[in-house]
Amino acid sequence: MITGDLRSKIDRIWDDFWSGGISNPLTVIEQITYLLFIKRLDEIHTNRELTANINKTSIENPVFPQDRPFLRWSRFKDMEARDMYENIVTHVFPFIKNLHTDADSAYSIFMKDAVFIIPTPQLLERVVTKLDALPMDRRDIKGDLYEYLLAKIATAGQNGQFRTPRHIIRMMVEMVKPQPDDVICDPASGTSGFLVEASEYLREHHKEIFLDDGLKEHFNNRMFYGNDFDVTMLRIGAINLREILSIGVNEKNIFLSALC
């Protein structure tokens, strides 16, 4: 649950978006998701760099090309506002939109129409600075953050965007006890909270998945399915699943689809 100082920090980010002219709550969540995803990609790349340095080997599955360091959050976060804005609009956002080369994957399908709409360099600088200060070192923080942000949607219920509290999701997954060879489907997936929690359960209770090539391939490519009627939610869900399937960066498919 988001409480205290962390809640205040998130509220200030939310207020920045509203004062900057972005008043649609789902749009705010979507833009925050893009930035958190960019930040997380840099963290994944950094961890792989550290592993390569320790082992004195080349980086395995690098996220960013060696000749494009300006794509990384750690490099652009301290840029002057206008330079940061131009870098993200011109280079970073197109990079994450085309991160997946398989045109038929859910990530590629739903990111195809993604738009970066933060309107000014000043707003972007404020949001990046505040997101950088969030303590995102625990894997469950992001789920709690989404739960809190979704609670702010005044139209929840009218548009069908009902949220399931994080602790209820965790309890349901623990009752189901997903297994390494299961196929897991959420017919109303939203931001993919249930699918992400299922993946976390498997990481914690079935570490053999990542030691067996067949199970690992199933986990990355055929285990998770989701449906939702809102393309924005599907886009957020695809990004969240793309992040958790980070054993390698070449996963083929995340099966999300729009229900009409």
C-alpha atoms as a PDB file:
ATOM      1  CA  MET A   1       0.000   0.000   0.000  1.00  0.00           C
ATOM      2  CA  ILE A   2       1.222   3.520  -0.862  1.00  0.00           C
ATOM      3  CA  THR A   3       1.433   5.618   2.303  1.00  0.00           C
ATOM      4  CA  GLY A   4       3.226   8.563   3.840  1.00  0.00           C
ATOM      5  CA  ASP A   5       6.097  10.236   2.014  1.00  0.00           C
ATOM      6  CA  LEU A   6       5.821   8.025  -1.086  1.00  0.00           C
ATOM      7  CA  ARG A   7       2.151   8.879  -1.469  1.00  0.00           C
ATOM      8  CA  SER A   8       2.965  12.589  -1.229  1.00  0.00           C
ATOM      9  CA  LYS A   9       5.637  12.261  -3.919  1.00  0.00           C
ATOM     10  CA  ILE A  10       3.215  10.526  -6.291  1.00  0.00           C
ATOM     11  CA  ASP A  11       0.544  13.154  -5.596  1.00  0.00           C
ATOM     12  CA  ARG A  12       3.010  15.884  -6.541  1.00  0.00           C
ATOM     13  CA  ILE A  13       3.777  14.123  -9.847  1.00  0.00           C
ATOM     14  CA  TRP A  14       0.032  13.818 -10.509  1.00  0.00           C
ATOM     15  CA  ASP A  15      -0.424  17.520  -9.741  1.00  0.00           C
ATOM     16  CA  ASP A  16       2.405  18.409 -12.132  1.00  0.00           C
ATOM     17  CA  PHE A  17       0.617  16.630 -14.980  1.00  0.00           C
ATOM     18  CA  TRP A  18      -2.667  18.361 -14.234  1.00  0.00           C
ATOM     19  CA  SER A  19      -1.069  21.788 -13.944  1.00  0.00           C
ATOM     20  CA  GLY A  20       0.787  21.052 -17.185  1.00  0.00           C
ATOM     21  CA  GLY A  21      -2.488  20.543 -19.057  1.00  0.00           C
ATOM     22  CA  ILE A  22      -2.829  16.724 -19.003  1.00  0.00           C
ATOM     23  CA  SER A  23      -6.095  16.126 -17.153  1.00  0.00           C
ATOM     24  CA  ASN A  24      -7.226  12.692 -18.391  1.00  0.00           C
ATOM     25  CA  PRO A  25      -6.294  10.279 -15.565  1.00  0.00           C
ATOM     26  CA  LEU A  26      -5.647   7.357 -17.929  1.00  0.00           C
ATOM     27  CA  THR A  27      -3.367   9.544 -20.036  1.00  0.00           C
ATOM     28  CA  VAL A  28      -1.427  10.532 -16.923  1.00  0.00           C
ATOM     29  CA  ILE A  29      -0.997   6.867 -15.980  1.00  0.00           C
ATOM     30  CA  GLU A  30       0.050   5.995 -19.525  1.00  0.00           C
ATOM     31  CA  GLN A  31       2.723   8.713 -19.688  1.00  0.00           C
ATOM     32  CA  ILE A  32       4.054   7.745 -16.243  1.00  0.00           C
ATOM     33  CA  THR A  33       4.195   4.129 -17.446  1.00  0.00           C
ATOM     34  CA  TYR A  34       6.341   5.068 -20.443  1.00  0.00           C
ATOM     35  CA  LEU A  35       8.812   6.946 -18.255  1.00  0.00           C
ATOM     36  CA  LEU A  36       8.992   4.208 -15.619  1.00  0.00           C
ATOM     37  CA  PHE A  37       9.564   1.659 -18.379  1.00  0.00           C
ATOM     38  CA  ILE A  38      12.431   3.728 -19.797  1.00  0.00           C
ATOM     39  CA  LYS A  39      13.909   3.976 -16.287  1.00  0.00           C
ATOM     40  CA  ARG A  40      13.530   0.239 -15.705  1.00  0.00           C
ATOM     41  CA  LEU A  41      15.228  -0.616 -19.009  1.00  0.00           C
ATOM     42  CA  ASP A  42      18.265   1.367 -17.895  1.00  0.00           C
ATOM     43  CA  GLU A  43      18.311  -0.505 -14.574  1.00  0.00           C
ATOM     44  CA  ILE A  44      18.192  -3.847 -16.407  1.00  0.00           C
ATOM     45  CA  HIS A  45      21.012  -2.767 -18.724  1.00  0.00           C
ATOM     46  CA  THR A  46      23.085  -1.550 -15.750  1.00  0.00           C
ATOM     47  CA  ASN A  47      22.665  -4.880 -13.944  1.00  0.00           C
ATOM     48  CA  ARG A  48      23.842  -6.725 -17.046  1.00  0.00           C
ATOM     49  CA  GLU A  49      26.815  -4.371 -17.314  1.00  0.00           C
ATOM     50  CA  LEU A  50      27.780  -5.119 -13.718  1.00  0.00           C
ATOM     51  CA  THR A  51      27.476  -8.862 -14.302  1.00  0.00           C
ATOM     52  CA  ALA A  52      29.641  -8.604 -17.421  1.00  0.00           C
ATOM     53  CA  ASN A  53      32.256  -6.557 -15.565  1.00  0.00           C
ATOM     54  CA  ILE A  54      32.398  -9.059 -12.708  1.00  0.00           C
ATOM     55  CA  ASN A  55      32.720 -11.994 -15.124  1.00  0.00           C
ATOM     56  CA  LYS A  56      35.039 -10.038 -17.433  1.00  0.00           C
ATOM     57  CA  THR A  57      32.813 -10.831 -20.425  1.00  0.00           C
ATOM     58  CA  SER A  58      30.771  -8.849 -22.922  1.00  0.00           C
ATOM     59  CA  ILE A  59      27.230  -7.783 -21.935  1.00  0.00           C
ATOM     60  CA  GLU A  60      24.676 -10.523 -22.543  1.00  0.00           C
ATOM     61  CA  ASN A  61      21.506  -9.243 -24.246  1.00  0.00           C
ATOM     62  CA  PRO A  62      22.254  -5.509 -23.851  1.00  0.00           C
ATOM     63  CA  VAL A  63      19.140  -3.353 -23.892  1.00  0.00           C
ATOM     64  CA  PHE A  64      20.795  -0.302 -25.441  1.00  0.00           C
ATOM     65  CA  PRO A  65      23.251  -0.127 -28.351  1.00  0.00           C
ATOM     66  CA  GLN A  66      26.750   0.733 -27.170  1.00  0.00           C
ATOM     67  CA  ASP A  67      26.938   3.699 -29.532  1.00  0.00           C
ATOM     68  CA  ARG A  68      23.679   5.273 -28.233  1.00  0.00           C
ATOM     69  CA  PRO A  69      24.244   5.968 -24.521  1.00  0.00           C
ATOM     70  CA  PHE A  70      21.945   9.012 -24.713  1.00  0.00           C
ATOM     71  CA  LEU A  71      18.973   6.613 -24.737  1.00  0.00           C
ATOM     72  CA  ARG A  72      19.595   5.672 -21.113  1.00  0.00           C
ATOM     73  CA  TRP A  73      17.715   7.262 -18.220  1.00  0.00           C
ATOM     74  CA  SER A  74      20.917   7.654 -16.206  1.00  0.00           C
ATOM     75  CA  ARG A  75      22.446   9.699 -19.032  1.00  0.00           C
ATOM     76  CA  PHE A  76      19.588  12.022 -19.975  1.00  0.00           C
ATOM     77  CA  LYS A  77      17.990  12.638 -16.552  1.00  0.00           C
ATOM     78  CA  ASP A  78      20.478  15.397 -15.742  1.00  0.00           C
ATOM     79  CA  MET A  79      20.309  17.109 -19.136  1.00  0.00           C
ATOM     80  CA  GLU A  80      19.032  20.658 -19.458  1.00  0.00           C
ATOM     81  CA  ALA A  81      15.235  20.565 -19.846  1.00  0.00           C
ATOM     82  CA  ARG A  82      15.097  21.428 -23.538  1.00  0.00           C
ATOM     83  CA  ASP A  83      17.876  18.986 -24.455  1.00  0.00           C
ATOM     84  CA  MET A  84      16.201  16.211 -22.442  1.00  0.00           C
ATOM     85  CA  TYR A  85      12.863  16.862 -24.126  1.00  0.00           C
ATOM     86  CA  GLU A  86      14.339  16.785 -27.626  1.00  0.00           C
ATOM     87  CA  ASN A  87      16.299  13.623 -26.806  1.00  0.00           C
ATOM     88  CA  ILE A  88      13.252  11.738 -25.508  1.00  0.00           C
ATOM     89  CA  VAL A  89      10.919  12.856 -28.302  1.00  0.00           C
ATOM     90  CA  THR A  90      13.449  12.276 -31.093  1.00  0.00           C
ATOM     91  CA  HIS A  91      15.367   9.241 -29.873  1.00  0.00           C
ATOM     92  CA  VAL A  92      14.243   7.571 -26.629  1.00  0.00           C
ATOM     93  CA  PHE A  93      10.504   7.230 -27.224  1.00  0.00           C
ATOM     94  CA  PRO A  94      10.897   5.937 -30.816  1.00  0.00           C
ATOM     95  CA  PHE A  95      13.412   3.437 -29.426  1.00  0.00           C
ATOM     96  CA  ILE A  96      10.991   1.966 -26.885  1.00  0.00           C
ATOM     97  CA  LYS A  97       8.141   1.949 -29.433  1.00  0.00           C
ATOM     98  CA  ASN A  98      10.262  -0.228 -31.729  1.00  0.00           C
ATOM     99  CA  LEU A  99      11.971  -2.248 -29.010  1.00  0.00           C
ATOM    100  CA  HIS A 100      10.229  -5.438 -30.114  1.00  0.00           C
ATOM    101  CA  THR A 101      11.057  -6.492 -33.668  1.00  0.00           C
ATOM    102  CA  ASP A 102       8.194  -9.005 -34.015  1.00  0.00           C
ATOM    103  CA  ALA A 103       5.353  -7.039 -35.648  1.00  0.00           C
ATOM    104  CA  ASP A 104       2.762  -9.596 -34.490  1.00  0.00           C
ATOM    105  CA  SER A 105       3.612  -9.374 -30.777  1.00  0.00           C
ATOM    106  CA  ALA A 106       1.214  -7.656 -28.389  1.00  0.00           C
ATOM    107  CA  TYR A 107       3.914  -5.157 -27.466  1.00  0.00           C
ATOM    108  CA  SER A 108       4.422  -4.104 -31.089  1.00  0.00           C
ATOM    109  CA  ILE A 109       0.695  -4.028 -31.863  1.00  0.00           C
ATOM    110  CA  PHE A 110      -0.312  -1.843 -28.922  1.00  0.00           C
ATOM    111  CA  MET A 111       2.787   0.359 -28.884  1.00  0.00           C
ATOM    112  CA  LYS A 112       2.327   1.143 -32.581  1.00  0.00           C
ATOM    113  CA  ASP A 113      -0.142   3.931 -31.751  1.00  0.00           C
ATOM    114  CA  ALA A 114       1.584   5.074 -28.563  1.00  0.00           C
ATOM    115  CA  VAL A 115       2.130   8.834 -28.376  1.00  0.00           C
ATOM    116  CA  PHE A 116       4.380  10.820 -26.075  1.00  0.00           C
ATOM    117  CA  ILE A 117       2.273  13.851 -25.206  1.00  0.00           C
ATOM    118  CA  ILE A 118       4.064  15.594 -22.350  1.00  0.00           C
ATOM    119  CA  PRO A 119       3.778  19.087 -23.816  1.00  0.00           C
ATOM    120  CA  THR A 120       6.738  21.058 -22.457  1.00  0.00           C
ATOM    121  CA  PRO A 121      10.393  20.531 -21.498  1.00  0.00           C
ATOM    122  CA  GLN A 122       9.721  22.076 -18.089  1.00  0.00           C
ATOM    123  CA  LEU A 123       6.960  19.587 -17.236  1.00  0.00           C
ATOM    124  CA  LEU A 124       9.081  16.672 -18.445  1.00  0.00           C
ATOM    125  CA  GLU A 125      12.040  17.792 -16.335  1.00  0.00           C
ATOM    126  CA  ARG A 126       9.885  18.064 -13.199  1.00  0.00           C
ATOM    127  CA  VAL A 127       8.325  14.635 -13.735  1.00  0.00           C
ATOM    128  CA  VAL A 128      11.621  12.895 -14.553  1.00  0.00           C
ATOM    129  CA  THR A 129      13.288  14.416 -11.467  1.00  0.00           C
ATOM    130  CA  LYS A 130      10.455  13.269  -9.199  1.00  0.00           C
ATOM    131  CA  LEU A 131      10.187   9.792 -10.727  1.00  0.00           C
ATOM    132  CA  ASP A 132      13.946   9.369 -10.347  1.00  0.00           C
ATOM    133  CA  ALA A 133      13.574  10.007  -6.608  1.00  0.00           C
ATOM    134  CA  LEU A 134      10.906   7.311  -6.120  1.00  0.00           C
ATOM    135  CA  PRO A 135      12.204   4.241  -4.243  1.00  0.00           C
ATOM    136  CA  MET A 136      11.379   1.614  -6.894  1.00  0.00           C
ATOM    137  CA  ASP A 137      13.862  -0.969  -5.570  1.00  0.00           C
ATOM    138  CA  ARG A 138      11.126  -3.388  -4.457  1.00  0.00           C
ATOM    139  CA  ARG A 139       9.234  -5.241  -7.195  1.00  0.00           C
ATOM    140  CA  ASP A 140       5.858  -4.758  -5.474  1.00  0.00           C
ATOM    141  CA  ILE A 141       6.184  -0.963  -5.289  1.00  0.00           C
ATOM    142  CA  LYS A 142       5.173  -0.560  -8.918  1.00  0.00           C
ATOM    143  CA  GLY A 143       2.011  -2.612  -8.417  1.00  0.00           C
ATOM    144  CA  ASP A 144       1.099  -0.513  -5.392  1.00  0.00           C
ATOM    145  CA  LEU A 145       1.792   2.631  -7.409  1.00  0.00           C
ATOM    146  CA  TYR A 146      -0.610   1.545 -10.165  1.00  0.00           C
ATOM    147  CA  GLU A 147      -3.243   0.615  -7.620  1.00  0.00           C
ATOM    148  CA  TYR A 148      -3.004   4.087  -6.108  1.00  0.00           C
ATOM    149  CA  LEU A 149      -3.042   5.859  -9.472  1.00  0.00           C
ATOM    150  CA  LEU A 150      -6.022   3.854 -10.694  1.00  0.00           C
ATOM    151  CA  ALA A 151      -7.879   4.779  -7.506  1.00  0.00           C
ATOM    152  CA  LYS A 152      -7.672   8.381  -8.701  1.00  0.00           C
ATOM    153  CA  ILE A 153      -9.722   7.687 -11.821  1.00  0.00           C
ATOM    154  CA  ALA A 154     -12.998   9.479 -11.151  1.00  0.00           C
ATOM    155  CA  THR A 155     -14.763   7.569 -13.935  1.00  0.00           C
ATOM    156  CA  ALA A 156     -13.920   4.108 -12.581  1.00  0.00           C
ATOM    157  CA  GLY A 157     -17.044   1.982 -12.801  1.00  0.00           C
ATOM    158  CA  GLN A 158     -18.487   3.955 -15.723  1.00  0.00           C
ATOM    159  CA  ASN A 159     -15.733   2.849 -18.093  1.00  0.00           C
ATOM    160  CA  GLY A 160     -15.297  -0.562 -16.502  1.00  0.00           C
ATOM    161  CA  GLN A 161     -11.902   0.273 -15.002  1.00  0.00           C
ATOM    162  CA  PHE A 162     -12.443  -1.473 -11.687  1.00  0.00           C
ATOM    163  CA  ARG A 163      -9.244  -2.160  -9.810  1.00  0.00           C
ATOM    164  CA  THR A 164      -8.510  -5.170  -7.653  1.00  0.00           C
ATOM    165  CA  PRO A 165      -6.483  -4.260  -4.543  1.00  0.00           C
ATOM    166  CA  ARG A 166      -2.930  -5.569  -4.598  1.00  0.00           C
ATOM    167  CA  HIS A 167      -3.293  -7.789  -1.534  1.00  0.00           C
ATOM    168  CA  ILE A 168      -6.427  -9.422  -3.019  1.00  0.00           C
ATOM    169  CA  ILE A 169      -4.549 -10.158  -6.261  1.00  0.00           C
ATOM    170  CA  ARG A 170      -1.729 -11.728  -4.275  1.00  0.00           C
ATOM    171  CA  MET A 171      -4.119 -13.835  -2.201  1.00  0.00           C
ATOM    172  CA  MET A 172      -5.947 -15.132  -5.298  1.00  0.00           C
ATOM    173  CA  VAL A 173      -2.708 -16.058  -7.044  1.00  0.00           C
ATOM    174  CA  GLU A 174      -1.460 -17.857  -3.939  1.00  0.00           C
ATOM    175  CA  MET A 175      -4.724 -19.819  -3.769  1.00  0.00           C
ATOM    176  CA  VAL A 176      -4.474 -20.845  -7.444  1.00  0.00           C
ATOM    177  CA  LYS A 177      -0.775 -21.799  -7.115  1.00  0.00           C
ATOM    178  CA  PRO A 178       0.257 -21.474 -10.791  1.00  0.00           C
ATOM    179  CA  GLN A 179       2.682 -24.109 -12.043  1.00  0.00           C
ATOM    180  CA  PRO A 180       5.612 -23.815 -14.497  1.00  0.00           C
ATOM    181  CA  ASP A 181       3.770 -25.556 -17.344  1.00  0.00           C
ATOM    182  CA  ASP A 182       0.430 -23.752 -16.889  1.00  0.00           C
ATOM    183  CA  VAL A 183      -1.150 -21.350 -19.367  1.00  0.00           C
ATOM    184  CA  ILE A 184      -2.498 -18.312 -17.510  1.00  0.00           C
ATOM    185  CA  CYS A 185      -5.313 -16.114 -18.866  1.00  0.00           C
ATOM    186  CA  ASP A 186      -6.940 -12.979 -17.471  1.00  0.00           C
ATOM    187  CA  PRO A 187     -10.124 -12.118 -19.457  1.00  0.00           C
ATOM    188  CA  ALA A 188     -10.171  -8.539 -18.101  1.00  0.00           C
ATOM    189  CA  SER A 189      -6.462  -7.874 -17.724  1.00  0.00           C
ATOM    190  CA  GLY A 190      -6.305  -4.065 -17.382  1.00  0.00           C
ATOM    191  CA  THR A 191      -2.716  -3.162 -16.450  1.00  0.00           C
ATOM    192  CA  SER A 192      -1.942  -6.925 -16.216  1.00  0.00           C
ATOM    193  CA  GLY A 193      -1.726  -6.909 -12.427  1.00  0.00           C
ATOM    194  CA  PHE A 194      -2.886 -10.527 -12.093  1.00  0.00           C
ATOM    195  CA  LEU A 195      -0.490 -11.726 -14.793  1.00  0.00           C
ATOM    196  CA  VAL A 196       2.425  -9.840 -13.247  1.00  0.00           C
ATOM    197  CA  GLU A 197       1.630 -11.245  -9.792  1.00  0.00           C
ATOM    198  CA  ALA A 198       1.419 -14.749 -11.254  1.00  0.00           C
ATOM    199  CA  SER A 199       4.856 -14.286 -12.776  1.00  0.00           C
ATOM    200  CA  GLU A 200       6.192 -13.101  -9.405  1.00  0.00           C
ATOM    201  CA  TYR A 201       4.739 -16.175  -7.702  1.00  0.00           C
ATOM    202  CA  LEU A 202       6.457 -18.417 -10.243  1.00  0.00           C
ATOM    203  CA  ARG A 203       9.772 -16.585  -9.822  1.00  0.00           C
ATOM    204  CA  GLU A 204       9.568 -17.086  -6.065  1.00  0.00           C
ATOM    205  CA  HIS A 205       8.284 -20.663  -5.883  1.00  0.00           C
ATOM    206  CA  HIS A 206       9.578 -22.262  -9.091  1.00  0.00           C
ATOM    207  CA  LYS A 207      13.117 -21.069  -9.728  1.00  0.00           C
ATOM    208  CA  GLU A 208      13.653 -24.187 -11.849  1.00  0.00           C
ATOM    209  CA  ILE A 209      11.860 -22.328 -14.672  1.00  0.00           C
ATOM    210  CA  PHE A 210      14.951 -20.270 -15.293  1.00  0.00           C
ATOM    211  CA  LEU A 211      17.294 -23.252 -15.277  1.00  0.00           C
ATOM    212  CA  ASP A 212      15.336 -25.282 -17.820  1.00  0.00           C
ATOM    213  CA  ASP A 213      15.338 -24.067 -21.447  1.00  0.00           C
ATOM    214  CA  GLY A 214      11.888 -25.501 -22.199  1.00  0.00           C
ATOM    215  CA  LEU A 215      10.194 -24.007 -19.143  1.00  0.00           C
ATOM    216  CA  LYS A 216      11.971 -20.699 -19.652  1.00  0.00           C
ATOM    217  CA  GLU A 217      10.814 -20.552 -23.281  1.00  0.00           C
ATOM    218  CA  HIS A 218       7.231 -21.346 -22.214  1.00  0.00           C
ATOM    219  CA  PHE A 219       7.357 -18.642 -19.508  1.00  0.00           C
ATOM    220  CA  ASN A 220       8.605 -16.019 -21.964  1.00  0.00           C
ATOM    221  CA  ASN A 221       6.467 -16.895 -24.974  1.00  0.00           C
ATOM    222  CA  ARG A 222       3.320 -18.935 -24.310  1.00  0.00           C
ATOM    223  CA  MET A 223       2.282 -18.680 -20.668  1.00  0.00           C
ATOM    224  CA  PHE A 224       0.489 -15.322 -20.350  1.00  0.00           C
ATOM    225  CA  TYR A 225      -2.731 -14.279 -22.084  1.00  0.00           C
ATOM    226  CA  GLY A 226      -4.953 -11.284 -21.403  1.00  0.00           C
ATOM    227  CA  ASN A 227      -7.943  -9.436 -22.829  1.00  0.00           C
ATOM    228  CA  ASP A 228      -9.342  -5.955 -22.247  1.00  0.00           C
ATOM    229  CA  PHE A 229     -11.625  -3.551 -24.136  1.00  0.00           C
ATOM    230  CA  ASP A 230      -9.483  -0.445 -23.483  1.00  0.00           C
ATOM    231  CA  VAL A 231      -6.476  -0.101 -25.792  1.00  0.00           C
ATOM    232  CA  THR A 232      -4.748   2.284 -23.376  1.00  0.00           C
ATOM    233  CA  MET A 233      -4.942  -0.319 -20.611  1.00  0.00           C
ATOM    234  CA  LEU A 234      -3.683  -2.976 -23.007  1.00  0.00           C
ATOM    235  CA  ARG A 235      -0.733  -0.760 -23.885  1.00  0.00           C
ATOM    236  CA  ILE A 236       0.122  -0.322 -20.199  1.00  0.00           C
ATOM    237  CA  GLY A 237      -0.346  -4.059 -19.652  1.00  0.00           C
ATOM    238  CA  ALA A 238       1.942  -4.920 -22.569  1.00  0.00           C
ATOM    239  CA  ILE A 239       4.671  -2.669 -21.160  1.00  0.00           C
ATOM    240  CA  ASN A 240       4.342  -4.187 -17.686  1.00  0.00           C
ATOM    241  CA  LEU A 241       4.553  -7.718 -19.045  1.00  0.00           C
ATOM    242  CA  ARG A 242       7.402  -6.768 -21.360  1.00  0.00           C
ATOM    243  CA  GLU A 243       9.292  -5.609 -18.268  1.00  0.00           C
ATOM    244  CA  ILE A 244       8.744  -8.723 -16.167  1.00  0.00           C
ATOM    245  CA  LEU A 245       9.790 -11.002 -19.029  1.00  0.00           C
ATOM    246  CA  SER A 246      13.288  -9.601 -18.722  1.00  0.00           C
ATOM    247  CA  ILE A 247      15.330 -12.790 -18.564  1.00  0.00           C
ATOM    248  CA  GLY A 248      16.325 -11.802 -22.101  1.00  0.00           C
ATOM    249  CA  VAL A 249      15.181  -8.900 -24.231  1.00  0.00           C
ATOM    250  CA  ASN A 250      14.206 -10.980 -27.247  1.00  0.00           C
ATOM    251  CA  GLU A 251      10.946 -12.518 -26.053  1.00  0.00           C
ATOM    252  CA  LYS A 252       8.608 -13.247 -28.953  1.00  0.00           C
ATOM    253  CA  ASN A 253       5.065 -12.882 -27.724  1.00  0.00           C
ATOM    254  CA  ILE A 254       2.860 -11.536 -24.960  1.00  0.00           C
ATOM    255  CA  PHE A 255      -0.693 -12.497 -25.803  1.00  0.00           C
ATOM    256  CA  LEU A 256      -2.927  -9.515 -25.121  1.00  0.00           C
ATOM    257  CA  SER A 257      -5.932  -8.706 -27.265  1.00  0.00           C
ATOM    258  CA  ALA A 258      -8.719  -6.140 -27.446  1.00  0.00           C
ATOM    259  CA  LEU A 259     -12.307  -7.208 -26.849  1.00  0.00           C
ATOM    260  CA  CYS A 260     -14.854  -5.212 -28.861  1.00  0.00           C
END
